[in-house]
Amino acid sequence: MRKLIRPDLSEIKEHMTTSPKFRARKPVPPEQTSAESFYYSKQMSNKTRMVILLKDGEELRGVIEWYDKHALKVHRTDAPNILLLKHNIKYMWKENEDGSGDSD
């Protein structure tokens, strides 16, 4: 007849806490970093003229007046102000960085 041997529960607990596969996972990164807020705040405070390229190829120029999680409000001098949803923006840059600035 075979005798069943049971391990001590304290040994199992000790093994689980020291085993590398049971280590605590890295925390999930935050959904929102402050980089986007910092960038928009800086452009708003400096009233930097921006060029915004939309996904459909349309190019808008103006100053960012306001932003939130999903939208930007852009003040344009040559056209009405506009509220842009961020998911429609392909990318943006400062107007003086596109080579068409005040150079002769």
PDB file of N, CA and C in Angstrom:
ATOM      1  N   MET A   1       0.837  -1.174   0.000  1.00  0.00           N
ATOM      2  CA  MET A   1       0.000   0.000   0.000  1.00  0.00           C
ATOM      3  C   MET A   1       0.883   1.240   0.000  1.00  0.00           C
ATOM      4  N   ARG A   2       0.495   2.237  -0.822  1.00  0.00           N
ATOM      5  CA  ARG A   2       1.270   3.477  -0.924  1.00  0.00           C
ATOM      6  C   ARG A   2       0.768   4.500   0.069  1.00  0.00           C
ATOM      7  N   LYS A   3       1.708   5.246   0.616  1.00  0.00           N
ATOM      8  CA  LYS A   3       1.356   6.269   1.583  1.00  0.00           C
ATOM      9  C   LYS A   3       1.404   7.627   0.878  1.00  0.00           C
ATOM     10  N   LEU A   4       0.369   8.424   1.035  1.00  0.00           N
ATOM     11  CA  LEU A   4       0.290   9.737   0.426  1.00  0.00           C
ATOM     12  C   LEU A   4       0.998  10.753   1.320  1.00  0.00           C
ATOM     13  N   ILE A   5       1.895  11.506   0.708  1.00  0.00           N
ATOM     14  CA  ILE A   5       2.643  12.515   1.470  1.00  0.00           C
ATOM     15  C   ILE A   5       2.137  13.890   1.070  1.00  0.00           C
ATOM     16  N   ARG A   6       1.732  14.645   2.048  1.00  0.00           N
ATOM     17  CA  ARG A   6       1.240  16.007   1.790  1.00  0.00           C
ATOM     18  C   ARG A   6       2.327  17.003   2.176  1.00  0.00           C
ATOM     19  N   PRO A   7       2.559  18.006   1.316  1.00  0.00           N
ATOM     20  CA  PRO A   7       3.552  19.032   1.688  1.00  0.00           C
ATOM     21  C   PRO A   7       2.971  19.981   2.730  1.00  0.00           C
ATOM     22  N   ASP A   8       3.845  20.579   3.482  1.00  0.00           N
ATOM     23  CA  ASP A   8       3.447  21.545   4.496  1.00  0.00           C
ATOM     24  C   ASP A   8       2.986  22.839   3.792  1.00  0.00           C
ATOM     25  N   LEU A   9       1.862  23.432   4.201  1.00  0.00           N
ATOM     26  CA  LEU A   9       1.335  24.640   3.565  1.00  0.00           C
ATOM     27  C   LEU A   9       2.278  25.822   3.692  1.00  0.00           C
ATOM     28  N   SER A  10       3.023  25.913   4.755  1.00  0.00           N
ATOM     29  CA  SER A  10       3.961  27.026   4.923  1.00  0.00           C
ATOM     30  C   SER A  10       5.056  26.971   3.851  1.00  0.00           C
ATOM     31  N   GLU A  11       5.459  25.775   3.444  1.00  0.00           N
ATOM     32  CA  GLU A  11       6.455  25.632   2.379  1.00  0.00           C
ATOM     33  C   GLU A  11       5.892  26.116   1.046  1.00  0.00           C
ATOM     34  N   ILE A  12       4.647  25.827   0.770  1.00  0.00           N
ATOM     35  CA  ILE A  12       4.011  26.256  -0.483  1.00  0.00           C
ATOM     36  C   ILE A  12       3.908  27.776  -0.533  1.00  0.00           C
ATOM     37  N   LYS A  13       3.479  28.386   0.569  1.00  0.00           N
ATOM     38  CA  LYS A  13       3.361  29.850   0.619  1.00  0.00           C
ATOM     39  C   LYS A  13       4.720  30.509   0.415  1.00  0.00           C
ATOM     40  N   GLU A  14       5.735  29.958   1.049  1.00  0.00           N
ATOM     41  CA  GLU A  14       7.087  30.503   0.916  1.00  0.00           C
ATOM     42  C   GLU A  14       7.567  30.393  -0.527  1.00  0.00           C
ATOM     43  N   HIS A  15       7.307  29.273  -1.157  1.00  0.00           N
ATOM     44  CA  HIS A  15       7.718  29.058  -2.541  1.00  0.00           C
ATOM     45  C   HIS A  15       6.998  30.040  -3.477  1.00  0.00           C
ATOM     46  N   MET A  16       5.713  30.292  -3.231  1.00  0.00           N
ATOM     47  CA  MET A  16       4.937  31.188  -4.091  1.00  0.00           C
ATOM     48  C   MET A  16       5.423  32.631  -3.994  1.00  0.00           C
ATOM     49  N   THR A  17       5.807  33.066  -2.821  1.00  0.00           N
ATOM     50  CA  THR A  17       6.234  34.457  -2.660  1.00  0.00           C
ATOM     51  C   THR A  17       7.645  34.689  -3.179  1.00  0.00           C
ATOM     52  N   THR A  18       8.480  33.661  -3.228  1.00  0.00           N
ATOM     53  CA  THR A  18       9.847  33.831  -3.704  1.00  0.00           C
ATOM     54  C   THR A  18      10.002  33.450  -5.165  1.00  0.00           C
ATOM     55  N   SER A  19       9.034  32.799  -5.733  1.00  0.00           N
ATOM     56  CA  SER A  19       9.116  32.373  -7.128  1.00  0.00           C
ATOM     57  C   SER A  19       9.038  33.589  -8.059  1.00  0.00           C
ATOM     58  N   PRO A  20       9.904  33.662  -9.095  1.00  0.00           N
ATOM     59  CA  PRO A  20       9.900  34.828  -9.983  1.00  0.00           C
ATOM     60  C   PRO A  20       8.592  35.017 -10.758  1.00  0.00           C
ATOM     61  N   LYS A  21       7.883  33.956 -11.052  1.00  0.00           N
ATOM     62  CA  LYS A  21       6.660  34.124 -11.832  1.00  0.00           C
ATOM     63  C   LYS A  21       5.493  34.660 -11.004  1.00  0.00           C
ATOM     64  N   PHE A  22       5.650  34.726  -9.685  1.00  0.00           N
ATOM     65  CA  PHE A  22       4.600  35.263  -8.833  1.00  0.00           C
ATOM     66  C   PHE A  22       4.928  36.670  -8.319  1.00  0.00           C
ATOM     67  N   ARG A  23       5.955  37.305  -8.893  1.00  0.00           N
ATOM     68  CA  ARG A  23       6.290  38.665  -8.482  1.00  0.00           C
ATOM     69  C   ARG A  23       5.185  39.627  -8.892  1.00  0.00           C
ATOM     70  N   ALA A  24       5.120  40.734  -8.217  1.00  0.00           N
ATOM     71  CA  ALA A  24       4.115  41.757  -8.547  1.00  0.00           C
ATOM     72  C   ALA A  24       4.406  42.319  -9.937  1.00  0.00           C
ATOM     73  N   ARG A  25       3.351  42.542 -10.682  1.00  0.00           N
ATOM     74  CA  ARG A  25       3.500  43.107 -12.021  1.00  0.00           C
ATOM     75  C   ARG A  25       3.777  44.595 -11.939  1.00  0.00           C
ATOM     76  N   LYS A  26       4.353  45.135 -13.022  1.00  0.00           N
ATOM     77  CA  LYS A  26       4.576  46.573 -13.097  1.00  0.00           C
ATOM     78  C   LYS A  26       3.216  47.263 -13.141  1.00  0.00           C
ATOM     79  N   PRO A  27       3.123  48.422 -12.544  1.00  0.00           N
ATOM     80  CA  PRO A  27       1.833  49.122 -12.591  1.00  0.00           C
ATOM     81  C   PRO A  27       1.509  49.571 -14.020  1.00  0.00           C
ATOM     82  N   VAL A  28       0.251  49.629 -14.323  1.00  0.00           N
ATOM     83  CA  VAL A  28      -0.205  50.056 -15.645  1.00  0.00           C
ATOM     84  C   VAL A  28       0.116  51.539 -15.793  1.00  0.00           C
ATOM     85  N   PRO A  29       0.685  51.955 -16.947  1.00  0.00           N
ATOM     86  CA  PRO A  29       1.004  53.374 -17.115  1.00  0.00           C
ATOM     87  C   PRO A  29      -0.266  54.217 -17.110  1.00  0.00           C
ATOM     88  N   PRO A  30      -0.162  55.474 -16.709  1.00  0.00           N
ATOM     89  CA  PRO A  30      -1.355  56.317 -16.650  1.00  0.00           C
ATOM     90  C   PRO A  30      -1.945  56.544 -18.038  1.00  0.00           C
ATOM     91  N   GLU A  31      -3.267  56.689 -18.078  1.00  0.00           N
ATOM     92  CA  GLU A  31      -3.941  56.916 -19.363  1.00  0.00           C
ATOM     93  C   GLU A  31      -3.503  58.242 -19.963  1.00  0.00           C
ATOM     94  N   GLN A  32      -3.319  59.243 -19.120  1.00  0.00           N
ATOM     95  CA  GLN A  32      -2.965  60.581 -19.590  1.00  0.00           C
ATOM     96  C   GLN A  32      -1.664  61.010 -18.939  1.00  0.00           C
ATOM     97  N   THR A  33      -0.716  61.437 -19.772  1.00  0.00           N
ATOM     98  CA  THR A  33       0.498  62.030 -19.227  1.00  0.00           C
ATOM     99  C   THR A  33       0.331  63.532 -19.283  1.00  0.00           C
ATOM    100  N   SER A  34       1.236  64.255 -18.685  1.00  0.00           N
ATOM    101  CA  SER A  34       1.113  65.706 -18.703  1.00  0.00           C
ATOM    102  C   SER A  34       1.771  66.321 -19.934  1.00  0.00           C
ATOM    103  N   ALA A  35       2.373  65.531 -20.809  1.00  0.00           N
ATOM    104  CA  ALA A  35       3.080  66.058 -21.978  1.00  0.00           C
ATOM    105  C   ALA A  35       2.136  66.811 -22.916  1.00  0.00           C
ATOM    106  N   GLU A  36       0.990  66.241 -23.207  1.00  0.00           N
ATOM    107  CA  GLU A  36       0.040  66.884 -24.115  1.00  0.00           C
ATOM    108  C   GLU A  36      -0.463  68.192 -23.511  1.00  0.00           C
ATOM    109  N   SER A  37      -0.830  68.184 -22.243  1.00  0.00           N
ATOM    110  CA  SER A  37      -1.302  69.394 -21.569  1.00  0.00           C
ATOM    111  C   SER A  37      -0.219  70.464 -21.547  1.00  0.00           C
ATOM    112  N   PHE A  38       1.013  70.069 -21.272  1.00  0.00           N
ATOM    113  CA  PHE A  38       2.123  71.017 -21.253  1.00  0.00           C
ATOM    114  C   PHE A  38       2.301  71.656 -22.621  1.00  0.00           C
ATOM    115  N   TYR A  39       2.272  70.855 -23.690  1.00  0.00           N
ATOM    116  CA  TYR A  39       2.456  71.370 -25.049  1.00  0.00           C
ATOM    117  C   TYR A  39       1.357  72.367 -25.407  1.00  0.00           C
ATOM    118  N   TYR A  40       0.100  71.980 -25.206  1.00  0.00           N
ATOM    119  CA  TYR A  40      -1.010  72.883 -25.542  1.00  0.00           C
ATOM    120  C   TYR A  40      -0.972  74.151 -24.692  1.00  0.00           C
ATOM    121  N   SER A  41      -0.705  74.029 -23.405  1.00  0.00           N
ATOM    122  CA  SER A  41      -0.643  75.198 -22.530  1.00  0.00           C
ATOM    123  C   SER A  41       0.445  76.168 -22.982  1.00  0.00           C
ATOM    124  N   LYS A  42       1.593  75.633 -23.362  1.00  0.00           N
ATOM    125  CA  LYS A  42       2.703  76.476 -23.821  1.00  0.00           C
ATOM    126  C   LYS A  42       2.327  77.214 -25.102  1.00  0.00           C
ATOM    127  N   GLN A  43       1.720  76.501 -26.062  1.00  0.00           N
ATOM    128  CA  GLN A  43       1.340  77.144 -27.324  1.00  0.00           C
ATOM    129  C   GLN A  43       0.248  78.184 -27.090  1.00  0.00           C
ATOM    130  N   MET A  44      -0.673  77.906 -26.167  1.00  0.00           N
ATOM    131  CA  MET A  44      -1.752  78.854 -25.871  1.00  0.00           C
ATOM    132  C   MET A  44      -1.186  80.111 -25.202  1.00  0.00           C
ATOM    133  N   SER A  45      -0.305  79.955 -24.229  1.00  0.00           N
ATOM    134  CA  SER A  45       0.228  81.121 -23.515  1.00  0.00           C
ATOM    135  C   SER A  45       1.102  81.987 -24.417  1.00  0.00           C
ATOM    136  N   ASN A  46       1.822  81.369 -25.353  1.00  0.00           N
ATOM    137  CA  ASN A  46       2.664  82.126 -26.289  1.00  0.00           C
ATOM    138  C   ASN A  46       1.886  82.614 -27.513  1.00  0.00           C
ATOM    139  N   LYS A  47       0.624  82.195 -27.629  1.00  0.00           N
ATOM    140  CA  LYS A  47      -0.210  82.515 -28.802  1.00  0.00           C
ATOM    141  C   LYS A  47       0.520  82.154 -30.097  1.00  0.00           C
ATOM    142  N   THR A  48       1.081  80.963 -30.096  1.00  0.00           N
ATOM    143  CA  THR A  48       1.836  80.456 -31.239  1.00  0.00           C
ATOM    144  C   THR A  48       0.886  80.125 -32.378  1.00  0.00           C
ATOM    145  N   ARG A  49       1.196  80.628 -33.575  1.00  0.00           N
ATOM    146  CA  ARG A  49       0.394  80.285 -34.750  1.00  0.00           C
ATOM    147  C   ARG A  49       0.745  78.858 -35.157  1.00  0.00           C
ATOM    148  N   MET A  50      -0.282  78.036 -35.300  1.00  0.00           N
ATOM    149  CA  MET A  50      -0.101  76.618 -35.601  1.00  0.00           C
ATOM    150  C   MET A  50      -0.677  76.283 -36.966  1.00  0.00           C
ATOM    151  N   VAL A  51      -0.114  75.266 -37.590  1.00  0.00           N
ATOM    152  CA  VAL A  51      -0.664  74.681 -38.810  1.00  0.00           C
ATOM    153  C   VAL A  51      -1.172  73.305 -38.405  1.00  0.00           C
ATOM    154  N   ILE A  52      -2.443  73.033 -38.715  1.00  0.00           N
ATOM    155  CA  ILE A  52      -3.055  71.760 -38.343  1.00  0.00           C
ATOM    156  C   ILE A  52      -3.481  71.057 -39.624  1.00  0.00           C
ATOM    157  N   LEU A  53      -2.925  69.883 -39.863  1.00  0.00           N
ATOM    158  CA  LEU A  53      -3.278  69.086 -41.028  1.00  0.00           C
ATOM    159  C   LEU A  53      -4.300  68.049 -40.595  1.00  0.00           C
ATOM    160  N   LEU A  54      -5.456  68.071 -41.252  1.00  0.00           N
ATOM    161  CA  LEU A  54      -6.509  67.114 -40.927  1.00  0.00           C
ATOM    162  C   LEU A  54      -6.313  65.827 -41.714  1.00  0.00           C
ATOM    163  N   LYS A  55      -6.970  64.787 -41.299  1.00  0.00           N
ATOM    164  CA  LYS A  55      -6.843  63.484 -41.961  1.00  0.00           C
ATOM    165  C   LYS A  55      -7.310  63.520 -43.412  1.00  0.00           C
ATOM    166  N   ASP A  56      -8.245  64.434 -43.740  1.00  0.00           N
ATOM    167  CA  ASP A  56      -8.725  64.523 -45.123  1.00  0.00           C
ATOM    168  C   ASP A  56      -7.826  65.385 -45.999  1.00  0.00           C
ATOM    169  N   GLY A  57      -6.701  65.897 -45.445  1.00  0.00           N
ATOM    170  CA  GLY A  57      -5.746  66.678 -46.220  1.00  0.00           C
ATOM    171  C   GLY A  57      -5.926  68.189 -46.095  1.00  0.00           C
ATOM    172  N   GLU A  58      -7.014  68.632 -45.472  1.00  0.00           N
ATOM    173  CA  GLU A  58      -7.241  70.067 -45.304  1.00  0.00           C
ATOM    174  C   GLU A  58      -6.253  70.618 -44.275  1.00  0.00           C
ATOM    175  N   GLU A  59      -5.741  71.834 -44.558  1.00  0.00           N
ATOM    176  CA  GLU A  59      -4.770  72.474 -43.683  1.00  0.00           C
ATOM    177  C   GLU A  59      -5.409  73.710 -43.063  1.00  0.00           C
ATOM    178  N   LEU A  60      -5.354  73.809 -41.751  1.00  0.00           N
ATOM    179  CA  LEU A  60      -5.912  74.950 -41.035  1.00  0.00           C
ATOM    180  C   LEU A  60      -4.779  75.688 -40.330  1.00  0.00           C
ATOM    181  N   ARG A  61      -4.906  77.018 -40.251  1.00  0.00           N
ATOM    182  CA  ARG A  61      -3.911  77.829 -39.554  1.00  0.00           C
ATOM    183  C   ARG A  61      -4.601  78.689 -38.517  1.00  0.00           C
ATOM    184  N   GLY A  62      -4.015  78.770 -37.334  1.00  0.00           N
ATOM    185  CA  GLY A  62      -4.586  79.594 -36.289  1.00  0.00           C
ATOM    186  C   GLY A  62      -3.889  79.381 -34.965  1.00  0.00           C
ATOM    187  N   VAL A  63      -4.446  80.000 -33.924  1.00  0.00           N
ATOM    188  CA  VAL A  63      -3.905  79.928 -32.571  1.00  0.00           C
ATOM    189  C   VAL A  63      -4.850  79.067 -31.722  1.00  0.00           C
ATOM    190  N   ILE A  64      -4.284  78.147 -30.970  1.00  0.00           N
ATOM    191  CA  ILE A  64      -5.094  77.301 -30.092  1.00  0.00           C
ATOM    192  C   ILE A  64      -5.582  78.150 -28.924  1.00  0.00           C
ATOM    193  N   GLU A  65      -6.892  78.245 -28.775  1.00  0.00           N
ATOM    194  CA  GLU A  65      -7.493  79.030 -27.689  1.00  0.00           C
ATOM    195  C   GLU A  65      -7.828  78.168 -26.480  1.00  0.00           C
ATOM    196  N   TRP A  66      -8.200  76.920 -26.742  1.00  0.00           N
ATOM    197  CA  TRP A  66      -8.756  76.079 -25.697  1.00  0.00           C
ATOM    198  C   TRP A  66      -8.614  74.624 -26.130  1.00  0.00           C
ATOM    199  N   TYR A  67      -8.513  73.708 -25.171  1.00  0.00           N
ATOM    200  CA  TYR A  67      -8.456  72.276 -25.485  1.00  0.00           C
ATOM    201  C   TYR A  67      -9.059  71.483 -24.339  1.00  0.00           C
ATOM    202  N   ASP A  68      -9.477  70.273 -24.657  1.00  0.00           N
ATOM    203  CA  ASP A  68      -9.852  69.306 -23.628  1.00  0.00           C
ATOM    204  C   ASP A  68      -9.449  67.929 -24.117  1.00  0.00           C
ATOM    205  N   LYS A  69      -9.976  66.906 -23.518  1.00  0.00           N
ATOM    206  CA  LYS A  69      -9.564  65.538 -23.841  1.00  0.00           C
ATOM    207  C   LYS A  69      -9.850  65.159 -25.296  1.00  0.00           C
ATOM    208  N   HIS A  70     -10.922  65.734 -25.880  1.00  0.00           N
ATOM    209  CA  HIS A  70     -11.345  65.303 -27.207  1.00  0.00           C
ATOM    210  C   HIS A  70     -11.317  66.373 -28.289  1.00  0.00           C
ATOM    211  N   ALA A  71     -11.057  67.644 -27.932  1.00  0.00           N
ATOM    212  CA  ALA A  71     -11.201  68.709 -28.928  1.00  0.00           C
ATOM    213  C   ALA A  71     -10.224  69.858 -28.702  1.00  0.00           C
ATOM    214  N   LEU A  72     -10.039  70.654 -29.786  1.00  0.00           N
ATOM    215  CA  LEU A  72      -9.266  71.889 -29.747  1.00  0.00           C
ATOM    216  C   LEU A  72     -10.134  73.001 -30.309  1.00  0.00           C
ATOM    217  N   LYS A  73     -10.048  74.187 -29.724  1.00  0.00           N
ATOM    218  CA  LYS A  73     -10.696  75.354 -30.306  1.00  0.00           C
ATOM    219  C   LYS A  73      -9.588  76.202 -30.899  1.00  0.00           C
ATOM    220  N   VAL A  74      -9.699  76.486 -32.200  1.00  0.00           N
ATOM    221  CA  VAL A  74      -8.663  77.221 -32.909  1.00  0.00           C
ATOM    222  C   VAL A  74      -9.216  78.568 -33.348  1.00  0.00           C
ATOM    223  N   HIS A  75      -8.502  79.640 -32.974  1.00  0.00           N
ATOM    224  CA  HIS A  75      -8.865  80.997 -33.385  1.00  0.00           C
ATOM    225  C   HIS A  75      -8.169  81.269 -34.709  1.00  0.00           C
ATOM    226  N   ARG A  76      -8.954  81.604 -35.737  1.00  0.00           N
ATOM    227  CA  ARG A  76      -8.404  81.891 -37.063  1.00  0.00           C
ATOM    228  C   ARG A  76      -8.733  83.332 -37.420  1.00  0.00           C
ATOM    229  N   THR A  77      -7.771  84.061 -37.980  1.00  0.00           N
ATOM    230  CA  THR A  77      -8.002  85.457 -38.346  1.00  0.00           C
ATOM    231  C   THR A  77      -8.682  85.583 -39.702  1.00  0.00           C
ATOM    232  N   ASP A  78      -8.403  84.655 -40.613  1.00  0.00           N
ATOM    233  CA  ASP A  78      -8.939  84.740 -41.972  1.00  0.00           C
ATOM    234  C   ASP A  78     -10.233  83.945 -42.157  1.00  0.00           C
ATOM    235  N   ALA A  79     -10.702  83.293 -41.116  1.00  0.00           N
ATOM    236  CA  ALA A  79     -11.912  82.466 -41.195  1.00  0.00           C
ATOM    237  C   ALA A  79     -12.530  82.390 -39.802  1.00  0.00           C
ATOM    238  N   PRO A  80     -13.745  81.869 -39.714  1.00  0.00           N
ATOM    239  CA  PRO A  80     -14.368  81.732 -38.381  1.00  0.00           C
ATOM    240  C   PRO A  80     -13.574  80.785 -37.480  1.00  0.00           C
ATOM    241  N   ASN A  81     -13.690  81.021 -36.186  1.00  0.00           N
ATOM    242  CA  ASN A  81     -13.073  80.100 -35.216  1.00  0.00           C
ATOM    243  C   ASN A  81     -13.680  78.714 -35.411  1.00  0.00           C
ATOM    244  N   ILE A  82     -12.919  77.695 -35.023  1.00  0.00           N
ATOM    245  CA  ILE A  82     -13.387  76.332 -35.279  1.00  0.00           C
ATOM    246  C   ILE A  82     -13.085  75.434 -34.076  1.00  0.00           C
ATOM    247  N   LEU A  83     -13.988  74.511 -33.823  1.00  0.00           N
ATOM    248  CA  LEU A  83     -13.797  73.497 -32.794  1.00  0.00           C
ATOM    249  C   LEU A  83     -13.463  72.193 -33.519  1.00  0.00           C
ATOM    250  N   LEU A  84     -12.246  71.703 -33.336  1.00  0.00           N
ATOM    251  CA  LEU A  84     -11.783  70.493 -34.013  1.00  0.00           C
ATOM    252  C   LEU A  84     -11.786  69.320 -33.059  1.00  0.00           C
ATOM    253  N   LEU A  85     -12.330  68.206 -33.498  1.00  0.00           N
ATOM    254  CA  LEU A  85     -12.205  66.973 -32.716  1.00  0.00           C
ATOM    255  C   LEU A  85     -10.815  66.407 -32.966  1.00  0.00           C
ATOM    256  N   LYS A  86     -10.134  66.014 -31.910  1.00  0.00           N
ATOM    257  CA  LYS A  86      -8.747  65.568 -32.023  1.00  0.00           C
ATOM    258  C   LYS A  86      -8.580  64.355 -32.936  1.00  0.00           C
ATOM    259  N   HIS A  87      -9.574  63.491 -32.999  1.00  0.00           N
ATOM    260  CA  HIS A  87      -9.415  62.293 -33.829  1.00  0.00           C
ATOM    261  C   HIS A  87      -9.384  62.627 -35.323  1.00  0.00           C
ATOM    262  N   ASN A  88      -9.756  63.854 -35.708  1.00  0.00           N
ATOM    263  CA  ASN A  88      -9.689  64.278 -37.106  1.00  0.00           C
ATOM    264  C   ASN A  88      -8.349  64.893 -37.476  1.00  0.00           C
ATOM    265  N   ILE A  89      -7.477  65.114 -36.487  1.00  0.00           N
ATOM    266  CA  ILE A  89      -6.184  65.754 -36.736  1.00  0.00           C
ATOM    267  C   ILE A  89      -5.142  64.695 -37.065  1.00  0.00           C
ATOM    268  N   LYS A  90      -4.472  64.892 -38.215  1.00  0.00           N
ATOM    269  CA  LYS A  90      -3.391  63.990 -38.593  1.00  0.00           C
ATOM    270  C   LYS A  90      -2.128  64.387 -37.836  1.00  0.00           C
ATOM    271  N   TYR A  91      -1.712  65.640 -37.957  1.00  0.00           N
ATOM    272  CA  TYR A  91      -0.635  66.187 -37.148  1.00  0.00           C
ATOM    273  C   TYR A  91      -0.648  67.698 -37.216  1.00  0.00           C
ATOM    274  N   MET A  92       0.197  68.343 -36.384  1.00  0.00           N
ATOM    275  CA  MET A  92       0.263  69.800 -36.342  1.00  0.00           C
ATOM    276  C   MET A  92       1.688  70.240 -36.071  1.00  0.00           C
ATOM    277  N   TRP A  93       1.984  71.484 -36.448  1.00  0.00           N
ATOM    278  CA  TRP A  93       3.295  72.050 -36.203  1.00  0.00           C
ATOM    279  C   TRP A  93       3.169  73.561 -36.088  1.00  0.00           C
ATOM    280  N   LYS A  94       4.240  74.199 -35.582  1.00  0.00           N
ATOM    281  CA  LYS A  94       4.255  75.649 -35.471  1.00  0.00           C
ATOM    282  C   LYS A  94       4.372  76.238 -36.868  1.00  0.00           C
ATOM    283  N   GLU A  95       3.622  77.293 -37.131  1.00  0.00           N
ATOM    284  CA  GLU A  95       3.598  77.880 -38.481  1.00  0.00           C
ATOM    285  C   GLU A  95       4.977  78.329 -38.936  1.00  0.00           C
ATOM    286  N   ASN A  96       5.801  78.860 -38.040  1.00  0.00           N
ATOM    287  CA  ASN A  96       7.129  79.331 -38.450  1.00  0.00           C
ATOM    288  C   ASN A  96       8.110  78.194 -38.733  1.00  0.00           C
ATOM    289  N   GLU A  97       7.726  76.964 -38.516  1.00  0.00           N
ATOM    290  CA  GLU A  97       8.588  75.807 -38.780  1.00  0.00           C
ATOM    291  C   GLU A  97       8.355  75.190 -40.145  1.00  0.00           C
ATOM    292  N   ASP A  98       7.391  75.706 -40.925  1.00  0.00           N
ATOM    293  CA  ASP A  98       7.091  75.075 -42.208  1.00  0.00           C
ATOM    294  C   ASP A  98       7.824  75.699 -43.383  1.00  0.00           C
ATOM    295  N   GLY A  99       8.698  76.676 -43.136  1.00  0.00           N
ATOM    296  CA  GLY A  99       9.481  77.264 -44.226  1.00  0.00           C
ATOM    297  C   GLY A  99       8.774  78.373 -44.955  1.00  0.00           C
ATOM    298  N   SER A 100       7.496  78.651 -44.634  1.00  0.00           N
ATOM    299  CA  SER A 100       6.769  79.713 -45.319  1.00  0.00           C
ATOM    300  C   SER A 100       6.540  80.904 -44.404  1.00  0.00           C
ATOM    301  N   GLY A 101       7.470  81.107 -43.472  1.00  0.00           N
ATOM    302  CA  GLY A 101       7.336  82.185 -42.488  1.00  0.00           C
ATOM    303  C   GLY A 101       7.571  83.555 -43.116  1.00  0.00           C
ATOM    304  N   ASP A 102       8.104  84.488 -42.359  1.00  0.00           N
ATOM    305  CA  ASP A 102       8.267  85.868 -42.803  1.00  0.00           C
ATOM    306  C   ASP A 102       9.566  86.093 -43.572  1.00  0.00           C
ATOM    307  N   SER A 103      10.130  85.075 -44.179  1.00  0.00           N
ATOM    308  CA  SER A 103      11.366  85.262 -44.936  1.00  0.00           C
ATOM    309  C   SER A 103      11.053  85.830 -46.314  1.00  0.00           C
ATOM    310  N   ASP A 104      12.013  86.651 -46.860  1.00  0.00           N
ATOM    311  CA  ASP A 104      11.815  87.279 -48.176  1.00  0.00           C
ATOM    312  C   ASP A 104      12.297  86.412 -49.297  1.00  0.00           C
TER     313      ASP A 104
END
